[in-house]
């Protein structure tokens, strides 16, 4: 082989490796999109036979799949949110005085013979929980960003697998023959 063909082959492998590193974290969304498109392809074929337009059929099938996938998620989210609100409302009148901390401290001191600051321990625990939540908030934001990008990729792949899936399948079979 000539020097230029080795160079081009090397460049292709380098770009392929870099491309894989770029899409590696979104690969699960692409594979999930392929599975969803495969499972809902009969719906697409039915709609295409009734509508006739590939783009409209793809979009309609995608919207149906999204509605049936998102609706249970929204219902569960609503139930969790309302339950969290109920818990928050029931604990809004929370006070350490309600638990008779002073009498507990005296009892612990009588049993152990040591001065025990229960109120301070509880306060430092809540401060630790607050700092942990605030430090993990940045990670949560980045996770949500990656999730939204992945969902967009998934929707994009599903749409084009409906629309041009047969062409992709035909071309991939031609590569192996």
Protein backbone atom coordinates (compact mmCIF):
# COMPACT_ATOMS: atom_id res chain seq x y z
CA UNK A 1 0.00 0.00 0.00
CA UNK A 2 1.07 3.50 -0.62
CA UNK A 3 1.90 5.93 2.10
CA UNK A 4 -1.23 8.06 1.47
CA UNK A 5 -3.59 5.07 1.71
CA UNK A 6 -2.03 4.07 5.07
CA UNK A 7 -2.45 7.63 6.23
CA UNK A 8 -6.10 7.73 5.15
CA UNK A 9 -6.79 4.35 6.75
CA UNK A 10 -5.23 5.58 9.98
CA UNK A 11 -7.32 8.75 9.87
CA UNK A 12 -10.48 6.72 9.37
CA UNK A 13 -9.69 4.56 12.41
CA UNK A 14 -8.85 7.61 14.53
CA UNK A 15 -12.09 9.36 13.56
CA UNK A 16 -14.06 6.16 14.13
CA UNK A 17 -12.59 5.81 17.63
CA UNK A 18 -13.25 9.46 18.45
CA UNK A 19 -16.81 9.20 17.12
CA UNK A 20 -17.42 6.14 19.28
CA UNK A 21 -16.15 7.98 22.36
CA UNK A 22 -18.50 10.85 21.55
CA UNK A 23 -21.63 8.72 21.18
CA UNK A 24 -20.78 6.07 23.78
CA UNK A 25 -22.98 7.57 26.52
CA UNK A 26 -25.90 7.99 24.09
CA UNK A 27 -25.62 4.50 22.61
CA UNK A 28 -28.27 3.13 25.00
CA UNK A 29 -30.74 5.70 23.63
CA UNK A 30 -30.00 4.63 20.04
CA UNK A 31 -30.42 0.94 20.92
CA UNK A 32 -33.64 1.71 22.80
CA UNK A 33 -34.91 3.65 19.80
CA UNK A 34 -34.19 0.69 17.54
CA UNK A 35 -36.15 -1.63 19.86
CA UNK A 36 -39.09 0.79 20.16
CA UNK A 37 -39.18 1.31 16.39
CA UNK A 38 -39.08 -2.44 15.81
CA UNK A 39 -41.89 -3.12 18.27
CA UNK A 40 -44.13 -0.33 16.97
CA UNK A 41 -43.37 -0.84 13.28
CA UNK A 42 -46.70 -2.67 12.63
CA UNK A 43 -48.54 0.44 13.86
CA UNK A 44 -46.50 2.53 11.42
CA UNK A 45 -47.26 0.16 8.52
CA UNK A 46 -50.98 0.25 9.37
CA UNK A 47 -51.00 4.06 9.48
CA UNK A 48 -48.97 4.28 6.28
CA UNK A 49 -51.49 2.08 4.48
CA UNK A 50 -54.31 4.37 5.68
CA UNK A 51 -52.54 7.75 5.30
CA UNK A 52 -50.15 7.05 2.43
CA UNK A 53 -47.51 9.66 3.37
CA UNK A 54 -44.35 8.29 5.05
CA UNK A 55 -43.54 11.48 6.94
CA UNK A 56 -47.04 11.95 8.34
CA UNK A 57 -47.29 8.25 9.23
CA UNK A 58 -43.89 8.37 10.96
CA UNK A 59 -44.81 11.48 12.91
CA UNK A 60 -48.23 10.09 13.90
CA UNK A 61 -46.76 6.78 15.06
CA UNK A 62 -44.03 8.60 16.97
CA UNK A 63 -46.59 10.79 18.72
CA UNK A 64 -48.71 7.75 19.62
CA UNK A 65 -45.68 5.93 21.04
CA UNK A 66 -44.67 9.03 23.02
CA UNK A 67 -48.18 9.46 24.44
CA UNK A 68 -48.34 5.81 25.51
CA UNK A 69 -44.81 5.95 26.96
CA UNK A 70 -45.05 9.34 28.68
CA UNK A 71 -48.57 9.09 30.12
CA UNK A 72 -47.74 6.41 32.74
CA UNK A 73 -44.59 8.31 33.67
CA UNK A 74 -46.58 11.50 34.18
CA UNK A 75 -49.19 9.70 36.28
CA UNK A 76 -46.52 8.19 38.54
CA UNK A 77 -44.74 11.55 38.79
CA UNK A 78 -48.01 13.24 39.77
CA UNK A 79 -48.70 10.65 42.47
CA UNK A 80 -45.16 10.96 43.88
CA UNK A 81 -45.36 14.76 43.80
CA UNK A 82 -48.72 14.84 45.57
CA UNK A 83 -47.50 12.35 48.20
CA UNK A 84 -44.37 14.46 48.77
CA UNK A 85 -46.59 17.53 49.21
CA UNK A 86 -48.70 15.68 51.77
CA UNK A 87 -45.60 14.65 53.70
CA UNK A 88 -44.20 18.18 53.53
CA UNK A 89 -47.46 19.68 54.78
CA UNK A 90 -47.67 17.18 57.63
CA UNK A 91 -44.10 17.93 58.74
CA UNK A 92 -44.25 21.70 58.30
CA UNK A 93 -45.02 22.14 61.97
CA UNK A 94 -41.98 20.03 62.90
CA UNK A 95 -40.22 21.25 66.01
CA UNK A 96 -37.49 19.70 68.08
CA UNK A 97 -39.30 20.84 71.22
CA UNK A 98 -42.10 18.46 70.31
CA UNK A 99 -39.81 15.50 70.97
CA UNK A 100 -38.73 16.71 74.42
CA UNK A 101 -35.05 16.81 73.53
CA UNK A 102 -34.07 18.22 76.91
CA UNK A 103 -35.58 15.30 78.81
CA UNK A 104 -33.92 12.84 76.40
CA UNK A 105 -30.55 14.54 76.95
CA UNK A 106 -31.02 14.30 80.72
CA UNK A 107 -31.96 10.63 80.48
CA UNK A 108 -28.89 9.85 78.32
CA UNK A 109 -26.68 11.79 80.76
CA UNK A 110 -28.10 9.82 83.70
CA UNK A 111 -27.56 6.49 81.94
CA UNK A 112 -24.07 7.15 80.57
CA UNK A 113 -22.74 9.75 82.95
CA UNK A 114 -21.64 11.94 80.05
CA UNK A 115 -22.90 15.26 78.80
CA UNK A 116 -24.69 14.59 75.49
CA UNK A 117 -25.77 17.38 73.12
CA UNK A 118 -28.60 15.70 71.20
CA UNK A 119 -29.95 18.99 69.84
CA UNK A 120 -26.50 19.83 68.39
CA UNK A 121 -26.15 16.37 66.84
CA UNK A 122 -29.55 16.64 65.16
CA UNK A 123 -28.74 20.15 63.91
CA UNK A 124 -25.36 19.10 62.49
CA UNK A 125 -27.00 16.09 60.80
CA UNK A 126 -29.53 18.32 59.04
CA UNK A 127 -26.74 20.71 58.01
CA UNK A 128 -24.81 17.77 56.56
CA UNK A 129 -27.86 16.63 54.62
CA UNK A 130 -28.33 20.16 53.26
CA UNK A 131 -24.71 20.44 52.11
CA UNK A 132 -24.88 17.01 50.46
CA UNK A 133 -28.01 17.99 48.56
CA UNK A 134 -26.53 21.29 47.41
CA UNK A 135 -23.27 19.67 46.28
CA UNK A 136 -25.13 17.02 44.30
CA UNK A 137 -27.42 19.56 42.64
CA UNK A 138 -24.82 20.30 39.94
CA UNK A 139 -24.54 16.59 39.12
CA UNK A 140 -28.33 16.41 38.90
CA UNK A 141 -28.41 19.30 36.39
CA UNK A 142 -25.81 17.61 34.17
CA UNK A 143 -27.67 14.32 34.39
CA UNK A 144 -30.91 15.99 33.31
CA UNK A 145 -29.08 17.63 30.39
CA UNK A 146 -27.67 14.30 29.23
CA UNK A 147 -31.09 12.67 29.65
CA UNK A 148 -32.80 15.34 27.51
CA UNK A 149 -30.15 15.04 24.80
CA UNK A 150 -30.58 11.26 24.86
CA UNK A 151 -34.36 11.52 24.59
CA UNK A 152 -34.01 13.88 21.61
CA UNK A 153 -31.62 11.42 19.93
CA UNK A 154 -34.06 8.60 20.63
CA UNK A 155 -37.01 10.51 19.10
CA UNK A 156 -34.90 11.42 16.07
CA UNK A 157 -33.76 7.83 15.50
CA UNK A 158 -37.27 6.41 15.94
CA UNK A 159 -38.72 8.89 13.44
CA UNK A 160 -36.14 8.12 10.77
CA UNK A 161 -36.29 4.38 11.37
CA UNK A 162 -40.02 4.54 10.63
CA UNK A 163 -39.51 6.72 7.61
CA UNK A 164 -36.41 5.12 6.07
CA UNK A 165 -36.04 1.88 8.03
CA UNK A 166 -36.57 -0.37 5.04
CA UNK A 167 -33.89 1.50 3.09
CA UNK A 168 -31.43 1.22 5.99
CA UNK A 169 -32.16 -2.50 6.30
CA UNK A 170 -31.76 -3.07 2.57
CA UNK A 171 -28.45 -1.18 2.48
CA UNK A 172 -27.11 -2.98 5.55
CA UNK A 173 -27.94 -6.35 3.97
CA UNK A 174 -26.14 -5.27 0.79
CA UNK A 175 -23.00 -4.56 2.86
CA UNK A 176 -22.87 -8.13 4.11
CA UNK A 177 -23.45 -9.73 0.71
